[in-house]
Amino acid sequence: MDLTAKNLDEPDELIELPRLVEEVVEVGGFVVGREVVAPGWRWSTDTKPIVGGEWCEARHVGLTMSGRWGVLLKDGRTLEFRPGDVFDVPAGHDSWTIGTSPA
């Protein structure tokens, strides 16, 4: 196994969508990203028209660093996240920012 380090300030990929910016690196076979979503962002209204599909079909595992955001699963369950929350959101969801701060 190699010892590897990358910095999100110099991403392998930069994704810019309406009210969403994500810097992405790949290390050790994993994709790691830093995503910032603006107040008012919602996957179903801002991102869905660009990527298609009824729901976000990506699994997201991470740590909320700032702001607040919420998620709605296909089965109707909802959950809100705040700074310090570690999350594992399965594929098949909608999400949005909560409040007036970026998340």
PDB file of N, CA and C in Angstrom:
ATOM      1  N   MET A   1       0.842  -1.170   0.000  1.00  0.00           N
ATOM      2  CA  MET A   1       0.000   0.000   0.000  1.00  0.00           C
ATOM      3  C   MET A   1       0.892   1.240   0.000  1.00  0.00           C
ATOM      4  N   ASP A   2       0.543   2.194  -0.857  1.00  0.00           N
ATOM      5  CA  ASP A   2       1.305   3.438  -0.938  1.00  0.00           C
ATOM      6  C   ASP A   2       0.854   4.432   0.129  1.00  0.00           C
ATOM      7  N   LEU A   3       1.795   5.270   0.535  1.00  0.00           N
ATOM      8  CA  LEU A   3       1.481   6.400   1.402  1.00  0.00           C
ATOM      9  C   LEU A   3       1.165   7.565   0.484  1.00  0.00           C
ATOM     10  N   THR A   4      -0.042   8.105   0.587  1.00  0.00           N
ATOM     11  CA  THR A   4      -0.499   9.129  -0.354  1.00  0.00           C
ATOM     12  C   THR A   4      -1.142  10.279   0.396  1.00  0.00           C
ATOM     13  N   ALA A   5      -0.936  11.488  -0.105  1.00  0.00           N
ATOM     14  CA  ALA A   5      -1.625  12.667   0.428  1.00  0.00           C
ATOM     15  C   ALA A   5      -2.026  13.562  -0.735  1.00  0.00           C
ATOM     16  N   LYS A   6      -3.220  14.073  -0.665  1.00  0.00           N
ATOM     17  CA  LYS A   6      -3.702  15.071  -1.623  1.00  0.00           C
ATOM     18  C   LYS A   6      -4.411  16.148  -0.828  1.00  0.00           C
ATOM     19  N   ASN A   7      -4.526  17.326  -1.438  1.00  0.00           N
ATOM     20  CA  ASN A   7      -5.153  18.457  -0.770  1.00  0.00           C
ATOM     21  C   ASN A   7      -6.362  18.906  -1.579  1.00  0.00           C
ATOM     22  N   LEU A   8      -7.482  19.094  -0.908  1.00  0.00           N
ATOM     23  CA  LEU A   8      -8.690  19.520  -1.605  1.00  0.00           C
ATOM     24  C   LEU A   8      -8.589  20.926  -2.185  1.00  0.00           C
ATOM     25  N   ASP A   9      -7.578  21.699  -1.762  1.00  0.00           N
ATOM     26  CA  ASP A   9      -7.351  23.006  -2.379  1.00  0.00           C
ATOM     27  C   ASP A   9      -6.739  22.873  -3.771  1.00  0.00           C
ATOM     28  N   GLU A  10      -6.266  21.664  -4.105  1.00  0.00           N
ATOM     29  CA  GLU A  10      -5.745  21.347  -5.446  1.00  0.00           C
ATOM     30  C   GLU A  10      -6.439  20.065  -5.919  1.00  0.00           C
ATOM     31  N   PRO A  11      -7.747  20.149  -6.206  1.00  0.00           N
ATOM     32  CA  PRO A  11      -8.533  18.949  -6.478  1.00  0.00           C
ATOM     33  C   PRO A  11      -8.188  18.285  -7.807  1.00  0.00           C
ATOM     34  N   ASP A  12      -8.490  16.980  -7.870  1.00  0.00           N
ATOM     35  CA  ASP A  12      -8.410  16.255  -9.135  1.00  0.00           C
ATOM     36  C   ASP A  12      -9.549  16.681 -10.058  1.00  0.00           C
ATOM     37  N   GLU A  13     -10.665  17.051  -9.449  1.00  0.00           N
ATOM     38  CA  GLU A  13     -11.839  17.474 -10.210  1.00  0.00           C
ATOM     39  C   GLU A  13     -12.566  18.570  -9.444  1.00  0.00           C
ATOM     40  N   LEU A  14     -13.045  19.568 -10.176  1.00  0.00           N
ATOM     41  CA  LEU A  14     -13.841  20.649  -9.613  1.00  0.00           C
ATOM     42  C   LEU A  14     -15.219  20.576 -10.253  1.00  0.00           C
ATOM     43  N   ILE A  15     -16.246  20.450  -9.423  1.00  0.00           N
ATOM     44  CA  ILE A  15     -17.627  20.380  -9.915  1.00  0.00           C
ATOM     45  C   ILE A  15     -18.333  21.658  -9.478  1.00  0.00           C
ATOM     46  N   GLU A  16     -18.873  22.380 -10.445  1.00  0.00           N
ATOM     47  CA  GLU A  16     -19.606  23.611 -10.155  1.00  0.00           C
ATOM     48  C   GLU A  16     -20.986  23.516 -10.787  1.00  0.00           C
ATOM     49  N   LEU A  17     -21.997  23.513  -9.941  1.00  0.00           N
ATOM     50  CA  LEU A  17     -23.394  23.489 -10.362  1.00  0.00           C
ATOM     51  C   LEU A  17     -24.098  24.657  -9.687  1.00  0.00           C
ATOM     52  N   PRO A  18     -25.326  24.980 -10.078  1.00  0.00           N
ATOM     53  CA  PRO A  18     -26.017  26.086  -9.407  1.00  0.00           C
ATOM     54  C   PRO A  18     -26.057  25.894  -7.892  1.00  0.00           C
ATOM     55  N   ARG A  19     -25.505  26.852  -7.178  1.00  0.00           N
ATOM     56  CA  ARG A  19     -25.477  26.899  -5.704  1.00  0.00           C
ATOM     57  C   ARG A  19     -24.726  25.737  -5.069  1.00  0.00           C
ATOM     58  N   LEU A  20     -23.846  25.062  -5.821  1.00  0.00           N
ATOM     59  CA  LEU A  20     -23.074  23.925  -5.300  1.00  0.00           C
ATOM     60  C   LEU A  20     -21.677  23.935  -5.907  1.00  0.00           C
ATOM     61  N   VAL A  21     -20.661  23.782  -5.064  1.00  0.00           N
ATOM     62  CA  VAL A  21     -19.275  23.637  -5.511  1.00  0.00           C
ATOM     63  C   VAL A  21     -18.681  22.449  -4.771  1.00  0.00           C
ATOM     64  N   GLU A  22     -18.001  21.568  -5.515  1.00  0.00           N
ATOM     65  CA  GLU A  22     -17.373  20.410  -4.886  1.00  0.00           C
ATOM     66  C   GLU A  22     -15.975  20.218  -5.450  1.00  0.00           C
ATOM     67  N   GLU A  23     -14.994  20.110  -4.548  1.00  0.00           N
ATOM     68  CA  GLU A  23     -13.624  19.756  -4.911  1.00  0.00           C
ATOM     69  C   GLU A  23     -13.444  18.279  -4.575  1.00  0.00           C
ATOM     70  N   VAL A  24     -12.877  17.509  -5.519  1.00  0.00           N
ATOM     71  CA  VAL A  24     -12.803  16.063  -5.372  1.00  0.00           C
ATOM     72  C   VAL A  24     -11.373  15.579  -5.597  1.00  0.00           C
ATOM     73  N   VAL A  25     -10.928  14.658  -4.745  1.00  0.00           N
ATOM     74  CA  VAL A  25      -9.649  13.964  -4.940  1.00  0.00           C
ATOM     75  C   VAL A  25      -9.906  12.465  -4.827  1.00  0.00           C
ATOM     76  N   GLU A  26      -9.025  11.681  -5.430  1.00  0.00           N
ATOM     77  CA  GLU A  26      -9.082  10.230  -5.280  1.00  0.00           C
ATOM     78  C   GLU A  26      -7.797   9.780  -4.603  1.00  0.00           C
ATOM     79  N   VAL A  27      -7.969   9.034  -3.506  1.00  0.00           N
ATOM     80  CA  VAL A  27      -6.824   8.493  -2.769  1.00  0.00           C
ATOM     81  C   VAL A  27      -7.148   7.069  -2.332  1.00  0.00           C
ATOM     82  N   GLY A  28      -6.221   6.179  -2.525  1.00  0.00           N
ATOM     83  CA  GLY A  28      -6.381   4.799  -2.065  1.00  0.00           C
ATOM     84  C   GLY A  28      -7.636   4.120  -2.567  1.00  0.00           C
ATOM     85  N   GLY A  29      -8.088   4.484  -3.749  1.00  0.00           N
ATOM     86  CA  GLY A  29      -9.293   3.889  -4.303  1.00  0.00           C
ATOM     87  C   GLY A  29     -10.584   4.517  -3.814  1.00  0.00           C
ATOM     88  N   PHE A  30     -10.490   5.544  -2.977  1.00  0.00           N
ATOM     89  CA  PHE A  30     -11.670   6.247  -2.484  1.00  0.00           C
ATOM     90  C   PHE A  30     -11.766   7.619  -3.136  1.00  0.00           C
ATOM     91  N   VAL A  31     -12.985   8.080  -3.351  1.00  0.00           N
ATOM     92  CA  VAL A  31     -13.228   9.444  -3.810  1.00  0.00           C
ATOM     93  C   VAL A  31     -13.641  10.251  -2.586  1.00  0.00           C
ATOM     94  N   VAL A  32     -12.921  11.347  -2.345  1.00  0.00           N
ATOM     95  CA  VAL A  32     -13.177  12.201  -1.192  1.00  0.00           C
ATOM     96  C   VAL A  32     -13.456  13.601  -1.711  1.00  0.00           C
ATOM     97  N   GLY A  33     -14.499  14.225  -1.197  1.00  0.00           N
ATOM     98  CA  GLY A  33     -14.837  15.547  -1.679  1.00  0.00           C
ATOM     99  C   GLY A  33     -15.164  16.510  -0.564  1.00  0.00           C
ATOM    100  N   ARG A  34     -15.028  17.788  -0.908  1.00  0.00           N
ATOM    101  CA  ARG A  34     -15.481  18.874  -0.034  1.00  0.00           C
ATOM    102  C   ARG A  34     -16.554  19.603  -0.828  1.00  0.00           C
ATOM    103  N   GLU A  35     -17.770  19.544  -0.295  1.00  0.00           N
ATOM    104  CA  GLU A  35     -18.904  20.142  -0.999  1.00  0.00           C
ATOM    105  C   GLU A  35     -19.434  21.306  -0.187  1.00  0.00           C
ATOM    106  N   VAL A  36     -19.711  22.404  -0.857  1.00  0.00           N
ATOM    107  CA  VAL A  36     -20.341  23.558  -0.215  1.00  0.00           C
ATOM    108  C   VAL A  36     -21.604  23.873  -0.993  1.00  0.00           C
ATOM    109  N   VAL A  37     -22.722  23.882  -0.285  1.00  0.00           N
ATOM    110  CA  VAL A  37     -24.000  24.213  -0.906  1.00  0.00           C
ATOM    111  C   VAL A  37     -24.532  25.496  -0.278  1.00  0.00           C
ATOM    112  N   ALA A  38     -25.006  26.394  -1.128  1.00  0.00           N
ATOM    113  CA  ALA A  38     -25.455  27.709  -0.696  1.00  0.00           C
ATOM    114  C   ALA A  38     -26.827  27.642  -0.027  1.00  0.00           C
ATOM    115  N   PRO A  39     -27.149  28.653   0.767  1.00  0.00           N
ATOM    116  CA  PRO A  39     -28.498  28.729   1.314  1.00  0.00           C
ATOM    117  C   PRO A  39     -29.523  28.674   0.177  1.00  0.00           C
ATOM    118  N   GLY A  40     -30.595  27.945   0.402  1.00  0.00           N
ATOM    119  CA  GLY A  40     -31.631  27.822  -0.607  1.00  0.00           C
ATOM    120  C   GLY A  40     -31.434  26.683  -1.585  1.00  0.00           C
ATOM    121  N   TRP A  41     -30.245  26.033  -1.544  1.00  0.00           N
ATOM    122  CA  TRP A  41     -29.987  24.915  -2.466  1.00  0.00           C
ATOM    123  C   TRP A  41     -30.874  23.735  -2.107  1.00  0.00           C
ATOM    124  N   ARG A  42     -31.370  23.066  -3.138  1.00  0.00           N
ATOM    125  CA  ARG A  42     -32.089  21.800  -2.955  1.00  0.00           C
ATOM    126  C   ARG A  42     -31.768  20.919  -4.154  1.00  0.00           C
ATOM    127  N   TRP A  43     -31.449  19.637  -3.884  1.00  0.00           N
ATOM    128  CA  TRP A  43     -31.067  18.724  -4.961  1.00  0.00           C
ATOM    129  C   TRP A  43     -32.153  18.650  -6.025  1.00  0.00           C
ATOM    130  N   SER A  44     -33.417  18.499  -5.597  1.00  0.00           N
ATOM    131  CA  SER A  44     -34.505  18.288  -6.551  1.00  0.00           C
ATOM    132  C   SER A  44     -34.793  19.495  -7.435  1.00  0.00           C
ATOM    133  N   THR A  45     -34.428  20.691  -7.010  1.00  0.00           N
ATOM    134  CA  THR A  45     -34.675  21.870  -7.841  1.00  0.00           C
ATOM    135  C   THR A  45     -33.420  22.402  -8.521  1.00  0.00           C
ATOM    136  N   ASP A  46     -32.244  22.257  -7.904  1.00  0.00           N
ATOM    137  CA  ASP A  46     -31.014  22.822  -8.465  1.00  0.00           C
ATOM    138  C   ASP A  46     -30.168  21.814  -9.237  1.00  0.00           C
ATOM    139  N   THR A  47     -30.100  20.577  -8.767  1.00  0.00           N
ATOM    140  CA  THR A  47     -29.193  19.590  -9.360  1.00  0.00           C
ATOM    141  C   THR A  47     -29.923  18.582 -10.243  1.00  0.00           C
ATOM    142  N   LYS A  48     -31.090  18.160  -9.854  1.00  0.00           N
ATOM    143  CA  LYS A  48     -31.873  17.177 -10.618  1.00  0.00           C
ATOM    144  C   LYS A  48     -32.056  17.569 -12.087  1.00  0.00           C
ATOM    145  N   PRO A  49     -32.376  18.835 -12.405  1.00  0.00           N
ATOM    146  CA  PRO A  49     -32.545  19.182 -13.815  1.00  0.00           C
ATOM    147  C   PRO A  49     -31.272  18.992 -14.659  1.00  0.00           C
ATOM    148  N   ILE A  50     -30.115  18.980 -14.011  1.00  0.00           N
ATOM    149  CA  ILE A  50     -28.837  18.831 -14.716  1.00  0.00           C
ATOM    150  C   ILE A  50     -28.434  17.369 -14.825  1.00  0.00           C
ATOM    151  N   VAL A  51     -28.582  16.613 -13.736  1.00  0.00           N
ATOM    152  CA  VAL A  51     -28.116  15.218 -13.717  1.00  0.00           C
ATOM    153  C   VAL A  51     -29.218  14.215 -14.027  1.00  0.00           C
ATOM    154  N   GLY A  52     -30.485  14.619 -13.887  1.00  0.00           N
ATOM    155  CA  GLY A  52     -31.601  13.725 -14.173  1.00  0.00           C
ATOM    156  C   GLY A  52     -31.903  12.780 -13.031  1.00  0.00           C
ATOM    157  N   GLY A  53     -32.956  11.978 -13.223  1.00  0.00           N
ATOM    158  CA  GLY A  53     -33.383  11.034 -12.198  1.00  0.00           C
ATOM    159  C   GLY A  53     -34.385  11.659 -11.259  1.00  0.00           C
ATOM    160  N   GLU A  54     -35.120  10.813 -10.569  1.00  0.00           N
ATOM    161  CA  GLU A  54     -36.094  11.292  -9.598  1.00  0.00           C
ATOM    162  C   GLU A  54     -35.451  11.638  -8.263  1.00  0.00           C
ATOM    163  N   TRP A  55     -34.403  10.887  -7.881  1.00  0.00           N
ATOM    164  CA  TRP A  55     -33.728  11.042  -6.600  1.00  0.00           C
ATOM    165  C   TRP A  55     -32.224  11.058  -6.831  1.00  0.00           C
ATOM    166  N   CYS A  56     -31.457  11.595  -5.890  1.00  0.00           N
ATOM    167  CA  CYS A  56     -30.005  11.478  -5.945  1.00  0.00           C
ATOM    168  C   CYS A  56     -29.669  10.010  -5.695  1.00  0.00           C
ATOM    169  N   GLU A  57     -28.966   9.393  -6.622  1.00  0.00           N
ATOM    170  CA  GLU A  57     -28.669   7.964  -6.525  1.00  0.00           C
ATOM    171  C   GLU A  57     -27.240   7.691  -6.061  1.00  0.00           C
ATOM    172  N   ALA A  58     -26.612   8.682  -5.437  1.00  0.00           N
ATOM    173  CA  ALA A  58     -25.273   8.496  -4.875  1.00  0.00           C
ATOM    174  C   ALA A  58     -25.373   8.295  -3.364  1.00  0.00           C
ATOM    175  N   ARG A  59     -24.548   7.407  -2.837  1.00  0.00           N
ATOM    176  CA  ARG A  59     -24.407   7.262  -1.387  1.00  0.00           C
ATOM    177  C   ARG A  59     -23.397   8.302  -0.925  1.00  0.00           C
ATOM    178  N   HIS A  60     -23.677   8.959   0.183  1.00  0.00           N
ATOM    179  CA  HIS A  60     -22.778   9.976   0.723  1.00  0.00           C
ATOM    180  C   HIS A  60     -22.399   9.613   2.152  1.00  0.00           C
ATOM    181  N   VAL A  61     -21.106   9.548   2.423  1.00  0.00           N
ATOM    182  CA  VAL A  61     -20.582   9.297   3.763  1.00  0.00           C
ATOM    183  C   VAL A  61     -19.649  10.458   4.079  1.00  0.00           C
ATOM    184  N   GLY A  62     -19.839  11.110   5.213  1.00  0.00           N
ATOM    185  CA  GLY A  62     -18.987  12.250   5.485  1.00  0.00           C
ATOM    186  C   GLY A  62     -19.204  12.872   6.842  1.00  0.00           C
ATOM    187  N   LEU A  63     -18.736  14.106   6.943  1.00  0.00           N
ATOM    188  CA  LEU A  63     -18.768  14.901   8.163  1.00  0.00           C
ATOM    189  C   LEU A  63     -19.271  16.290   7.802  1.00  0.00           C
ATOM    190  N   THR A  64     -20.268  16.763   8.513  1.00  0.00           N
ATOM    191  CA  THR A  64     -20.752  18.130   8.311  1.00  0.00           C
ATOM    192  C   THR A  64     -19.829  19.076   9.064  1.00  0.00           C
ATOM    193  N   MET A  65     -19.191  19.978   8.322  1.00  0.00           N
ATOM    194  CA  MET A  65     -18.231  20.911   8.919  1.00  0.00           C
ATOM    195  C   MET A  65     -18.880  22.230   9.340  1.00  0.00           C
ATOM    196  N   SER A  66     -19.891  22.674   8.579  1.00  0.00           N
ATOM    197  CA  SER A  66     -20.544  23.950   8.895  1.00  0.00           C
ATOM    198  C   SER A  66     -21.940  23.956   8.288  1.00  0.00           C
ATOM    199  N   GLY A  67     -22.763  24.842   8.790  1.00  0.00           N
ATOM    200  CA  GLY A  67     -24.128  24.954   8.285  1.00  0.00           C
ATOM    201  C   GLY A  67     -24.989  23.777   8.708  1.00  0.00           C
ATOM    202  N   ARG A  68     -26.212  23.791   8.186  1.00  0.00           N
ATOM    203  CA  ARG A  68     -27.154  22.713   8.468  1.00  0.00           C
ATOM    204  C   ARG A  68     -27.791  22.281   7.158  1.00  0.00           C
ATOM    205  N   TRP A  69     -28.152  21.007   7.106  1.00  0.00           N
ATOM    206  CA  TRP A  69     -28.820  20.500   5.909  1.00  0.00           C
ATOM    207  C   TRP A  69     -29.718  19.334   6.278  1.00  0.00           C
ATOM    208  N   GLY A  70     -30.649  19.041   5.379  1.00  0.00           N
ATOM    209  CA  GLY A  70     -31.590  17.970   5.640  1.00  0.00           C
ATOM    210  C   GLY A  70     -31.653  17.007   4.477  1.00  0.00           C
ATOM    211  N   VAL A  71     -32.218  15.832   4.752  1.00  0.00           N
ATOM    212  CA  VAL A  71     -32.345  14.795   3.731  1.00  0.00           C
ATOM    213  C   VAL A  71     -33.714  14.133   3.866  1.00  0.00           C
ATOM    214  N   LEU A  72     -34.299  13.779   2.715  1.00  0.00           N
ATOM    215  CA  LEU A  72     -35.542  13.026   2.638  1.00  0.00           C
ATOM    216  C   LEU A  72     -35.256  11.774   1.836  1.00  0.00           C
ATOM    217  N   LEU A  73     -35.504  10.600   2.428  1.00  0.00           N
ATOM    218  CA  LEU A  73     -35.310   9.331   1.725  1.00  0.00           C
ATOM    219  C   LEU A  73     -36.581   8.950   0.973  1.00  0.00           C
ATOM    220  N   LYS A  74     -36.425   8.064  -0.022  1.00  0.00           N
ATOM    221  CA  LYS A  74     -37.572   7.598  -0.799  1.00  0.00           C
ATOM    222  C   LYS A  74     -38.686   7.057   0.080  1.00  0.00           C
ATOM    223  N   ASP A  75     -38.323   6.432   1.201  1.00  0.00           N
ATOM    224  CA  ASP A  75     -39.328   5.814   2.074  1.00  0.00           C
ATOM    225  C   ASP A  75     -40.002   6.818   3.009  1.00  0.00           C
ATOM    226  N   GLY A  76     -39.648   8.120   2.872  1.00  0.00           N
ATOM    227  CA  GLY A  76     -40.286   9.161   3.660  1.00  0.00           C
ATOM    228  C   GLY A  76     -39.551   9.586   4.914  1.00  0.00           C
ATOM    229  N   ARG A  77     -38.503   8.849   5.299  1.00  0.00           N
ATOM    230  CA  ARG A  77     -37.727   9.248   6.484  1.00  0.00           C
ATOM    231  C   ARG A  77     -36.958  10.530   6.192  1.00  0.00           C
ATOM    232  N   THR A  78     -36.832  11.372   7.219  1.00  0.00           N
ATOM    233  CA  THR A  78     -36.058  12.605   7.105  1.00  0.00           C
ATOM    234  C   THR A  78     -35.069  12.693   8.258  1.00  0.00           C
ATOM    235  N   LEU A  79     -34.011  13.449   8.040  1.00  0.00           N
ATOM    236  CA  LEU A  79     -33.027  13.683   9.088  1.00  0.00           C
ATOM    237  C   LEU A  79     -32.337  15.006   8.794  1.00  0.00           C
ATOM    238  N   GLU A  80     -31.995  15.737   9.835  1.00  0.00           N
ATOM    239  CA  GLU A  80     -31.256  16.990   9.699  1.00  0.00           C
ATOM    240  C   GLU A  80     -29.862  16.816  10.282  1.00  0.00           C
ATOM    241  N   PHE A  81     -28.895  17.511   9.682  1.00  0.00           N
ATOM    242  CA  PHE A  81     -27.493  17.420  10.093  1.00  0.00           C
ATOM    243  C   PHE A  81     -26.979  18.800  10.463  1.00  0.00           C
ATOM    244  N   ARG A  82     -26.079  18.827  11.440  1.00  0.00           N
ATOM    245  CA  ARG A  82     -25.456  20.068  11.914  1.00  0.00           C
ATOM    246  C   ARG A  82     -23.953  19.840  12.002  1.00  0.00           C
ATOM    247  N   PRO A  83     -23.173  20.889  12.240  1.00  0.00           N
ATOM    248  CA  PRO A  83     -21.729  20.715  12.343  1.00  0.00           C
ATOM    249  C   PRO A  83     -21.348  19.654  13.368  1.00  0.00           C
ATOM    250  N   GLY A  84     -20.423  18.794  12.982  1.00  0.00           N
ATOM    251  CA  GLY A  84     -19.957  17.712  13.838  1.00  0.00           C
ATOM    252  C   GLY A  84     -20.661  16.395  13.590  1.00  0.00           C
ATOM    253  N   ASP A  85     -21.779  16.427  12.854  1.00  0.00           N
ATOM    254  CA  ASP A  85     -22.495  15.182  12.558  1.00  0.00           C
ATOM    255  C   ASP A  85     -21.766  14.379  11.483  1.00  0.00           C
ATOM    256  N   VAL A  86     -21.563  13.102  11.761  1.00  0.00           N
ATOM    257  CA  VAL A  86     -21.026  12.152  10.784  1.00  0.00           C
ATOM    258  C   VAL A  86     -22.239  11.447  10.185  1.00  0.00           C
ATOM    259  N   PHE A  87     -22.249  11.301   8.848  1.00  0.00           N
ATOM    260  CA  PHE A  87     -23.445  10.777   8.199  1.00  0.00           C
ATOM    261  C   PHE A  87     -23.118   9.697   7.175  1.00  0.00           C
ATOM    262  N   ASP A  88     -24.123   8.864   6.936  1.00  0.00           N
ATOM    263  CA  ASP A  88     -24.114   7.860   5.875  1.00  0.00           C
ATOM    264  C   ASP A  88     -25.507   7.909   5.259  1.00  0.00           C
ATOM    265  N   VAL A  89     -25.640   8.611   4.144  1.00  0.00           N
ATOM    266  CA  VAL A  89     -26.922   8.799   3.478  1.00  0.00           C
ATOM    267  C   VAL A  89     -26.974   7.848   2.285  1.00  0.00           C
ATOM    268  N   PRO A  90     -27.945   6.939   2.258  1.00  0.00           N
ATOM    269  CA  PRO A  90     -28.017   5.981   1.157  1.00  0.00           C
ATOM    270  C   PRO A  90     -28.494   6.628  -0.140  1.00  0.00           C
ATOM    271  N   ALA A  91     -28.261   5.942  -1.239  1.00  0.00           N
ATOM    272  CA  ALA A  91     -28.791   6.380  -2.535  1.00  0.00           C
ATOM    273  C   ALA A  91     -30.302   6.428  -2.450  1.00  0.00           C
ATOM    274  N   GLY A  92     -30.903   7.327  -3.242  1.00  0.00           N
ATOM    275  CA  GLY A  92     -32.348   7.455  -3.256  1.00  0.00           C
ATOM    276  C   GLY A  92     -32.830   8.496  -2.268  1.00  0.00           C
ATOM    277  N   HIS A  93     -32.372   9.734  -2.432  1.00  0.00           N
ATOM    278  CA  HIS A  93     -32.733  10.789  -1.486  1.00  0.00           C
ATOM    279  C   HIS A  93     -32.803  12.147  -2.185  1.00  0.00           C
ATOM    280  N   ASP A  94     -33.398  13.097  -1.497  1.00  0.00           N
ATOM    281  CA  ASP A  94     -33.359  14.517  -1.835  1.00  0.00           C
ATOM    282  C   ASP A  94     -32.690  15.191  -0.647  1.00  0.00           C
ATOM    283  N   SER A  95     -32.040  16.322  -0.871  1.00  0.00           N
ATOM    284  CA  SER A  95     -31.427  17.035   0.252  1.00  0.00           C
ATOM    285  C   SER A  95     -31.470  18.528  -0.013  1.00  0.00           C
ATOM    286  N   TRP A  96     -31.258  19.315   1.065  1.00  0.00           N
ATOM    287  CA  TRP A  96     -31.387  20.765   0.972  1.00  0.00           C
ATOM    288  C   TRP A  96     -30.626  21.413   2.118  1.00  0.00           C
ATOM    289  N   THR A  97     -30.276  22.679   1.925  1.00  0.00           N
ATOM    290  CA  THR A  97     -29.678  23.442   3.018  1.00  0.00           C
ATOM    291  C   THR A  97     -30.787  23.980   3.914  1.00  0.00           C
ATOM    292  N   ILE A  98     -30.434  24.194   5.165  1.00  0.00           N
ATOM    293  CA  ILE A  98     -31.374  24.742   6.155  1.00  0.00           C
ATOM    294  C   ILE A  98     -30.787  26.057   6.664  1.00  0.00           C
ATOM    295  N   GLY A  99     -31.574  27.112   6.658  1.00  0.00           N
ATOM    296  CA  GLY A  99     -31.132  28.377   7.214  1.00  0.00           C
ATOM    297  C   GLY A  99     -30.440  29.263   6.197  1.00  0.00           C
ATOM    298  N   THR A 100     -29.703  30.248   6.729  1.00  0.00           N
ATOM    299  CA  THR A 100     -29.110  31.283   5.886  1.00  0.00           C
ATOM    300  C   THR A 100     -27.602  31.135   5.699  1.00  0.00           C
ATOM    301  N   SER A 101     -27.030  30.041   6.164  1.00  0.00           N
ATOM    302  CA  SER A 101     -25.586  29.800   6.020  1.00  0.00           C
ATOM    303  C   SER A 101     -25.333  28.652   5.058  1.00  0.00           C
ATOM    304  N   PRO A 102     -24.229  28.702   4.311  1.00  0.00           N
ATOM    305  CA  PRO A 102     -23.859  27.556   3.467  1.00  0.00           C
ATOM    306  C   PRO A 102     -23.605  26.322   4.332  1.00  0.00           C
ATOM    307  N   ALA A 103     -23.790  25.167   3.757  1.00  0.00           N
ATOM    308  CA  ALA A 103     -23.481  23.908   4.451  1.00  0.00           C
ATOM    309  C   ALA A 103     -22.387  23.186   3.685  1.00  0.00           C
TER     310      ALA A 103
END
